[in-house]
Amino acid sequence: MVTLQAQAQEDAKKILTSFGKQLAKVKLPKVKEGNVTQTSGVRKEGMGKKADEVFRQRMFQNAPKHDDEYLLVEKKEW
């Protein structure tokens, strides 16, 4: 007798295998990759638009790490 969990795993595997086969048939157009050169990790600030203060406060409330002026984010290598 096959358990419900084993049956669900078998069904999921069949679905993923079928999806993978269909996905392999898809032909995507070739896209030319851009070439970006960066000299530093900080962008130059300019005269931007006036920020919506309510949106700014909400962003800082939702950010896990921040100080009064900046969101602190993790930088990773790709």
C-alpha atoms as a PDB file:
ATOM      1  CA  MET A   1       0.000   0.000   0.000  1.00  0.00           C
ATOM      2  CA  VAL A   2       1.310   3.431  -0.984  1.00  0.00           C
ATOM      3  CA  THR A   3       1.069   6.159   1.652  1.00  0.00           C
ATOM      4  CA  LEU A   4      -0.536   9.481   0.873  1.00  0.00           C
ATOM      5  CA  GLN A   5       2.820  11.262   1.282  1.00  0.00           C
ATOM      6  CA  ALA A   6       4.600   8.854  -1.078  1.00  0.00           C
ATOM      7  CA  GLN A   7       1.810   9.271  -3.653  1.00  0.00           C
ATOM      8  CA  ALA A   8       2.050  13.070  -3.397  1.00  0.00           C
ATOM      9  CA  GLN A   9       5.828  12.936  -3.882  1.00  0.00           C
ATOM     10  CA  GLU A  10       5.441  10.658  -6.909  1.00  0.00           C
ATOM     11  CA  ASP A  11       2.784  12.961  -8.428  1.00  0.00           C
ATOM     12  CA  ALA A  12       4.954  16.028  -7.810  1.00  0.00           C
ATOM     13  CA  LYS A  13       7.930  14.346  -9.463  1.00  0.00           C
ATOM     14  CA  LYS A  14       5.830  13.501 -12.533  1.00  0.00           C
ATOM     15  CA  ILE A  15       4.576  17.083 -12.775  1.00  0.00           C
ATOM     16  CA  LEU A  16       8.094  18.541 -12.480  1.00  0.00           C
ATOM     17  CA  THR A  17       9.490  16.098 -15.026  1.00  0.00           C
ATOM     18  CA  SER A  18       6.701  16.909 -17.478  1.00  0.00           C
ATOM     19  CA  PHE A  19       7.181  20.649 -16.924  1.00  0.00           C
ATOM     20  CA  GLY A  20      10.932  20.331 -17.462  1.00  0.00           C
ATOM     21  CA  LYS A  21      10.426  18.521 -20.758  1.00  0.00           C
ATOM     22  CA  GLN A  22       7.997  21.190 -21.989  1.00  0.00           C
ATOM     23  CA  LEU A  23      10.308  23.981 -20.820  1.00  0.00           C
ATOM     24  CA  ALA A  24      13.212  22.449 -22.751  1.00  0.00           C
ATOM     25  CA  LYS A  25      11.193  22.902 -25.958  1.00  0.00           C
ATOM     26  CA  VAL A  26      10.841  26.670 -25.491  1.00  0.00           C
ATOM     27  CA  LYS A  27      13.041  28.739 -27.799  1.00  0.00           C
ATOM     28  CA  LEU A  28      13.943  32.138 -26.399  1.00  0.00           C
ATOM     29  CA  PRO A  29      15.347  34.980 -28.473  1.00  0.00           C
ATOM     30  CA  LYS A  30      18.995  35.737 -27.921  1.00  0.00           C
ATOM     31  CA  VAL A  31      19.563  38.916 -25.943  1.00  0.00           C
ATOM     32  CA  LYS A  32      22.746  40.920 -26.158  1.00  0.00           C
ATOM     33  CA  GLU A  33      24.208  41.307 -22.689  1.00  0.00           C
ATOM     34  CA  GLY A  34      25.005  44.773 -21.460  1.00  0.00           C
ATOM     35  CA  ASN A  35      28.485  45.760 -20.383  1.00  0.00           C
ATOM     36  CA  VAL A  36      28.564  47.807 -17.178  1.00  0.00           C
ATOM     37  CA  THR A  37      31.707  49.273 -15.692  1.00  0.00           C
ATOM     38  CA  GLN A  38      31.600  50.458 -12.105  1.00  0.00           C
ATOM     39  CA  THR A  39      34.311  52.476 -10.458  1.00  0.00           C
ATOM     40  CA  SER A  40      32.839  52.495  -6.966  1.00  0.00           C
ATOM     41  CA  GLY A  41      29.963  51.008  -4.995  1.00  0.00           C
ATOM     42  CA  VAL A  42      28.354  54.389  -4.372  1.00  0.00           C
ATOM     43  CA  ARG A  43      26.347  56.285  -6.945  1.00  0.00           C
ATOM     44  CA  LYS A  44      26.658  60.035  -7.328  1.00  0.00           C
ATOM     45  CA  GLU A  45      23.755  61.941  -5.849  1.00  0.00           C
ATOM     46  CA  GLY A  46      22.094  64.602  -7.918  1.00  0.00           C
ATOM     47  CA  MET A  47      19.162  66.925  -7.652  1.00  0.00           C
ATOM     48  CA  GLY A  48      16.332  64.412  -7.566  1.00  0.00           C
ATOM     49  CA  LYS A  49      12.621  64.750  -7.054  1.00  0.00           C
ATOM     50  CA  LYS A  50      11.260  65.544  -3.617  1.00  0.00           C
ATOM     51  CA  ALA A  51      10.504  62.231  -1.901  1.00  0.00           C
ATOM     52  CA  ASP A  52       7.086  61.351  -0.509  1.00  0.00           C
ATOM     53  CA  GLU A  53       7.676  61.548   3.263  1.00  0.00           C
ATOM     54  CA  VAL A  54       5.019  58.944   4.128  1.00  0.00           C
ATOM     55  CA  PHE A  55       6.562  56.464   1.696  1.00  0.00           C
ATOM     56  CA  ARG A  56      10.032  57.184   3.094  1.00  0.00           C
ATOM     57  CA  GLN A  57       8.882  56.554   6.673  1.00  0.00           C
ATOM     58  CA  ARG A  58       7.166  53.311   5.663  1.00  0.00           C
ATOM     59  CA  MET A  59      10.312  52.114   3.863  1.00  0.00           C
ATOM     60  CA  PHE A  60      12.471  52.765   6.913  1.00  0.00           C
ATOM     61  CA  GLN A  61       9.945  51.035   9.189  1.00  0.00           C
ATOM     62  CA  ASN A  62       9.968  47.936   6.969  1.00  0.00           C
ATOM     63  CA  ALA A  63      13.750  47.802   6.521  1.00  0.00           C
ATOM     64  CA  PRO A  64      15.460  45.330   8.850  1.00  0.00           C
ATOM     65  CA  LYS A  65      18.575  47.506   9.144  1.00  0.00           C
ATOM     66  CA  HIS A  66      18.773  51.266   8.728  1.00  0.00           C
ATOM     67  CA  ASP A  67      19.997  54.449  10.283  1.00  0.00           C
ATOM     68  CA  ASP A  68      18.462  57.925  10.017  1.00  0.00           C
ATOM     69  CA  GLU A  69      19.515  58.508   6.404  1.00  0.00           C
ATOM     70  CA  TYR A  70      20.321  55.182   4.734  1.00  0.00           C
ATOM     71  CA  LEU A  71      19.006  51.657   4.317  1.00  0.00           C
ATOM     72  CA  LEU A  72      21.747  49.196   5.225  1.00  0.00           C
ATOM     73  CA  VAL A  73      21.790  46.335   2.738  1.00  0.00           C
ATOM     74  CA  GLU A  74      23.898  43.284   2.162  1.00  0.00           C
ATOM     75  CA  LYS A  75      26.157  43.352  -0.892  1.00  0.00           C
ATOM     76  CA  LYS A  76      26.989  40.041  -2.550  1.00  0.00           C
ATOM     77  CA  GLU A  77      29.235  38.992  -5.399  1.00  0.00           C
ATOM     78  CA  TRP A  78      27.548  37.405  -8.421  1.00  0.00           C
END
